[in-house]
Every structure is written in structure tokens, then in C-alpha cells.
Amino acid sequence: MAVCLILDAPGMTQAQYDQVRNEVAPGNRLPQGALSHVAGSTDNGWCVVTTWESREVLDRFFRDKLQQALQRAGVTSQPRMFEVVNTMQP
């Protein structure tokens, strides 16, 4: 079952986002197992939403890549994850 990761990071800057993205998704390409990625600035920081093929794939990506990249960029916010029960596309 697909899962979603939401990182709502108060205080995060675009420079920090770019640093993390360049490290975990070189060439602005989705990592293996990712289905979608959207990101943008908010009133107080940055928000990133990704969907993944499965919880196992997301857990492995988080453990092996994302967690360390966030730490190196100085991002302390922790993402939330949930199982996807519905998606809509045009």
C-alpha cells in the first residue's frame, strides 16, 4: 500500500531544501520507490509532501538517506507518515 510523507518544517529555508534535495535526489529525479514529490515555501518555513510505493521503501529511504541529509542541513523537524487510501489525478 502506498504511503505519504509530510515534512512541515518551520524555519526551513529554500537553501536547506535544495541542499537536502540535491543530496537525496540528484538531478532532481525521484528516488527509487517514490511516486510523487511536491514542495514549497509556507508562511513560516517549508513543506514537502512525497508519496511512496510502500512503507518499507519509505522507511529504508528515510533511514539510509533522508534522516542524515536533514541533519546535515540543520533541519530538526520530523516528518509525519500515513497510509494512502485515495489519490485523485486529472
N, C-alpha and C. Protein backbone atom coordinates (compact mmCIF):
# COMPACT_ATOMS: atom_id res chain seq x y z
N MET A 1 0.84 -1.18 0.00
CA MET A 1 0.00 0.00 0.00
C MET A 1 0.89 1.24 0.00
N ALA A 2 0.49 2.25 -0.76
CA ALA A 2 1.25 3.50 -0.83
C ALA A 2 1.20 4.23 0.50
N VAL A 3 2.24 5.01 0.76
CA VAL A 3 2.32 5.83 1.96
C VAL A 3 2.73 7.24 1.57
N CYS A 4 2.42 8.18 2.45
CA CYS A 4 2.73 9.58 2.23
C CYS A 4 3.62 10.07 3.36
N LEU A 5 4.58 10.93 3.01
CA LEU A 5 5.43 11.60 3.99
C LEU A 5 5.18 13.09 3.87
N ILE A 6 4.91 13.73 4.99
CA ILE A 6 4.76 15.18 5.03
C ILE A 6 5.81 15.74 5.99
N LEU A 7 6.62 16.64 5.47
CA LEU A 7 7.59 17.36 6.29
C LEU A 7 7.17 18.82 6.30
N ASP A 8 6.57 19.25 7.39
CA ASP A 8 6.19 20.65 7.58
C ASP A 8 7.24 21.22 8.53
N ALA A 9 8.14 22.04 7.97
CA ALA A 9 9.33 22.43 8.71
C ALA A 9 9.39 23.94 8.93
N PRO A 10 8.88 24.42 10.08
CA PRO A 10 9.01 25.85 10.40
C PRO A 10 10.48 26.25 10.43
N GLY A 11 10.78 27.40 9.83
CA GLY A 11 12.13 27.91 9.83
C GLY A 11 13.02 27.37 8.73
N MET A 12 12.59 26.32 8.06
CA MET A 12 13.39 25.76 6.97
C MET A 12 13.41 26.74 5.80
N THR A 13 14.56 26.85 5.16
CA THR A 13 14.72 27.77 4.03
C THR A 13 14.79 26.99 2.72
N GLN A 14 14.68 27.73 1.62
CA GLN A 14 14.84 27.07 0.32
C GLN A 14 16.26 26.53 0.16
N ALA A 15 17.24 27.23 0.69
CA ALA A 15 18.62 26.74 0.61
C ALA A 15 18.75 25.39 1.31
N GLN A 16 18.12 25.23 2.47
CA GLN A 16 18.16 23.94 3.17
C GLN A 16 17.43 22.87 2.36
N TYR A 17 16.25 23.23 1.82
CA TYR A 17 15.51 22.29 0.98
C TYR A 17 16.38 21.84 -0.20
N ASP A 18 16.99 22.81 -0.90
CA ASP A 18 17.82 22.48 -2.06
C ASP A 18 18.99 21.59 -1.66
N GLN A 19 19.61 21.85 -0.51
CA GLN A 19 20.72 21.02 -0.04
C GLN A 19 20.26 19.57 0.16
N VAL A 20 19.13 19.40 0.84
CA VAL A 20 18.62 18.05 1.10
C VAL A 20 18.23 17.38 -0.21
N ARG A 21 17.48 18.09 -1.06
CA ARG A 21 17.03 17.51 -2.33
C ARG A 21 18.21 17.10 -3.20
N ASN A 22 19.23 17.96 -3.29
CA ASN A 22 20.39 17.62 -4.11
C ASN A 22 21.11 16.38 -3.59
N GLU A 23 21.06 16.18 -2.28
CA GLU A 23 21.73 15.01 -1.69
C GLU A 23 20.93 13.73 -1.89
N VAL A 24 19.62 13.80 -1.73
CA VAL A 24 18.82 12.56 -1.78
C VAL A 24 18.17 12.31 -3.13
N ALA A 25 18.12 13.34 -3.98
CA ALA A 25 17.51 13.20 -5.31
C ALA A 25 18.35 13.94 -6.35
N PRO A 26 19.58 13.46 -6.57
CA PRO A 26 20.47 14.15 -7.51
C PRO A 26 19.82 14.30 -8.89
N GLY A 27 20.05 15.46 -9.49
CA GLY A 27 19.47 15.71 -10.80
C GLY A 27 17.98 15.97 -10.76
N ASN A 28 17.45 16.21 -9.55
CA ASN A 28 16.02 16.46 -9.37
C ASN A 28 15.18 15.30 -9.90
N ARG A 29 15.66 14.07 -9.67
CA ARG A 29 14.95 12.87 -10.08
C ARG A 29 14.40 12.18 -8.83
N LEU A 30 13.20 11.63 -8.97
CA LEU A 30 12.60 10.90 -7.85
C LEU A 30 13.48 9.71 -7.45
N PRO A 31 13.69 9.52 -6.17
CA PRO A 31 14.40 8.32 -5.72
C PRO A 31 13.60 7.07 -6.06
N GLN A 32 14.28 5.96 -6.16
CA GLN A 32 13.60 4.70 -6.45
C GLN A 32 12.52 4.45 -5.40
N GLY A 33 11.33 4.12 -5.85
CA GLY A 33 10.21 3.83 -4.96
C GLY A 33 9.32 5.02 -4.67
N ALA A 34 9.78 6.22 -5.01
CA ALA A 34 8.94 7.42 -4.81
C ALA A 34 7.98 7.54 -5.99
N LEU A 35 6.75 7.96 -5.69
CA LEU A 35 5.73 8.13 -6.73
C LEU A 35 5.51 9.58 -7.10
N SER A 36 5.66 10.48 -6.12
CA SER A 36 5.46 11.91 -6.39
C SER A 36 6.18 12.73 -5.33
N HIS A 37 6.41 14.00 -5.67
CA HIS A 37 7.09 14.92 -4.76
C HIS A 37 6.60 16.32 -5.07
N VAL A 38 6.14 17.02 -4.06
CA VAL A 38 5.80 18.44 -4.19
C VAL A 38 6.40 19.16 -2.99
N ALA A 39 6.82 20.40 -3.21
CA ALA A 39 7.44 21.17 -2.12
C ALA A 39 7.26 22.64 -2.39
N GLY A 40 7.23 23.41 -1.31
CA GLY A 40 7.16 24.85 -1.46
C GLY A 40 7.24 25.55 -0.12
N SER A 41 7.42 26.87 -0.23
CA SER A 41 7.52 27.66 1.00
C SER A 41 6.15 27.87 1.60
N THR A 42 6.13 28.04 2.92
CA THR A 42 4.91 28.34 3.66
C THR A 42 5.12 29.68 4.37
N ASP A 43 4.11 30.11 5.11
CA ASP A 43 4.23 31.37 5.84
C ASP A 43 5.36 31.35 6.86
N ASN A 44 5.71 30.13 7.34
CA ASN A 44 6.73 30.07 8.39
C ASN A 44 7.87 29.12 8.10
N GLY A 45 8.00 28.64 6.88
CA GLY A 45 9.10 27.72 6.58
C GLY A 45 8.94 27.04 5.24
N TRP A 46 8.91 25.72 5.29
CA TRP A 46 8.89 24.93 4.06
C TRP A 46 8.07 23.66 4.30
N CYS A 47 7.40 23.18 3.25
CA CYS A 47 6.61 21.95 3.35
C CYS A 47 6.95 21.05 2.17
N VAL A 48 7.15 19.77 2.46
CA VAL A 48 7.45 18.79 1.43
C VAL A 48 6.47 17.63 1.61
N VAL A 49 5.87 17.19 0.49
CA VAL A 49 4.93 16.06 0.52
C VAL A 49 5.38 15.07 -0.55
N THR A 50 5.62 13.83 -0.15
CA THR A 50 6.00 12.79 -1.10
C THR A 50 5.13 11.57 -0.89
N THR A 51 4.90 10.83 -1.97
CA THR A 51 4.22 9.54 -1.85
C THR A 51 5.18 8.45 -2.30
N TRP A 52 5.01 7.30 -1.69
CA TRP A 52 5.93 6.18 -1.88
C TRP A 52 5.17 4.90 -2.15
N GLU A 53 5.81 3.95 -2.83
CA GLU A 53 5.19 2.67 -3.17
C GLU A 53 4.73 1.89 -1.94
N SER A 54 5.53 1.93 -0.87
CA SER A 54 5.21 1.14 0.32
C SER A 54 5.90 1.73 1.54
N ARG A 55 5.45 1.33 2.70
CA ARG A 55 6.06 1.77 3.95
C ARG A 55 7.51 1.27 4.05
N GLU A 56 7.75 0.06 3.58
CA GLU A 56 9.10 -0.50 3.64
C GLU A 56 10.08 0.33 2.81
N VAL A 57 9.65 0.73 1.62
CA VAL A 57 10.51 1.55 0.75
C VAL A 57 10.78 2.90 1.40
N LEU A 58 9.74 3.53 1.93
CA LEU A 58 9.90 4.82 2.60
C LEU A 58 10.79 4.70 3.83
N ASP A 59 10.55 3.69 4.65
CA ASP A 59 11.38 3.51 5.85
C ASP A 59 12.86 3.36 5.49
N ARG A 60 13.15 2.58 4.46
CA ARG A 60 14.54 2.38 4.03
C ARG A 60 15.15 3.70 3.53
N PHE A 61 14.41 4.46 2.72
CA PHE A 61 14.89 5.74 2.21
C PHE A 61 15.14 6.72 3.37
N PHE A 62 14.21 6.77 4.31
CA PHE A 62 14.36 7.67 5.46
C PHE A 62 15.58 7.30 6.28
N ARG A 63 15.71 6.02 6.59
CA ARG A 63 16.83 5.54 7.42
C ARG A 63 18.17 5.71 6.72
N ASP A 64 18.24 5.36 5.44
CA ASP A 64 19.52 5.33 4.73
C ASP A 64 19.95 6.67 4.14
N LYS A 65 19.00 7.56 3.86
CA LYS A 65 19.37 8.80 3.18
C LYS A 65 18.78 10.07 3.81
N LEU A 66 17.47 10.12 3.92
CA LEU A 66 16.83 11.39 4.27
C LEU A 66 17.17 11.87 5.67
N GLN A 67 17.15 10.99 6.63
CA GLN A 67 17.40 11.38 8.01
C GLN A 67 18.76 12.07 8.15
N GLN A 68 19.80 11.50 7.56
CA GLN A 68 21.13 12.09 7.65
C GLN A 68 21.22 13.39 6.86
N ALA A 69 20.56 13.46 5.71
CA ALA A 69 20.58 14.69 4.90
C ALA A 69 19.90 15.83 5.65
N LEU A 70 18.79 15.55 6.32
CA LEU A 70 18.11 16.58 7.11
C LEU A 70 19.03 17.07 8.24
N GLN A 71 19.68 16.15 8.90
CA GLN A 71 20.60 16.52 9.99
C GLN A 71 21.73 17.40 9.47
N ARG A 72 22.33 17.02 8.35
CA ARG A 72 23.43 17.81 7.79
C ARG A 72 22.97 19.21 7.38
N ALA A 73 21.71 19.35 6.99
CA ALA A 73 21.19 20.66 6.58
C ALA A 73 20.69 21.47 7.78
N GLY A 74 20.71 20.87 8.97
CA GLY A 74 20.25 21.57 10.17
C GLY A 74 18.75 21.64 10.31
N VAL A 75 18.04 20.71 9.66
CA VAL A 75 16.58 20.66 9.75
C VAL A 75 16.22 19.70 10.89
N THR A 76 15.50 20.22 11.89
CA THR A 76 15.18 19.39 13.06
C THR A 76 13.75 18.88 13.06
N SER A 77 12.90 19.39 12.20
CA SER A 77 11.51 18.93 12.14
C SER A 77 11.47 17.47 11.71
N GLN A 78 10.56 16.72 12.29
CA GLN A 78 10.40 15.32 11.95
C GLN A 78 9.17 15.15 11.05
N PRO A 79 9.29 14.33 10.01
CA PRO A 79 8.15 14.13 9.11
C PRO A 79 7.07 13.25 9.74
N ARG A 80 5.86 13.43 9.21
CA ARG A 80 4.74 12.55 9.55
C ARG A 80 4.51 11.62 8.37
N MET A 81 4.05 10.42 8.66
CA MET A 81 3.80 9.43 7.61
C MET A 81 2.45 8.79 7.83
N PHE A 82 1.77 8.48 6.71
CA PHE A 82 0.49 7.79 6.82
C PHE A 82 0.23 6.96 5.57
N GLU A 83 -0.62 5.94 5.73
CA GLU A 83 -1.01 5.10 4.59
C GLU A 83 -1.99 5.87 3.71
N VAL A 84 -1.81 5.76 2.42
CA VAL A 84 -2.68 6.45 1.46
C VAL A 84 -3.88 5.55 1.17
N VAL A 85 -5.08 6.11 1.31
CA VAL A 85 -6.28 5.35 0.99
C VAL A 85 -6.94 5.84 -0.30
N ASN A 86 -6.53 7.02 -0.77
CA ASN A 86 -7.10 7.53 -2.01
C ASN A 86 -6.19 8.57 -2.61
N THR A 87 -6.11 8.58 -3.94
CA THR A 87 -5.45 9.67 -4.67
C THR A 87 -6.36 10.03 -5.84
N MET A 88 -6.28 11.28 -6.26
CA MET A 88 -7.04 11.74 -7.42
C MET A 88 -6.11 12.47 -8.36
N GLN A 89 -6.28 12.24 -9.64
CA GLN A 89 -5.50 12.94 -10.66
C GLN A 89 -6.46 13.31 -11.79
N PRO A 90 -6.09 14.33 -12.56
CA PRO A 90 -7.00 14.74 -13.65
C PRO A 90 -7.14 13.64 -14.68
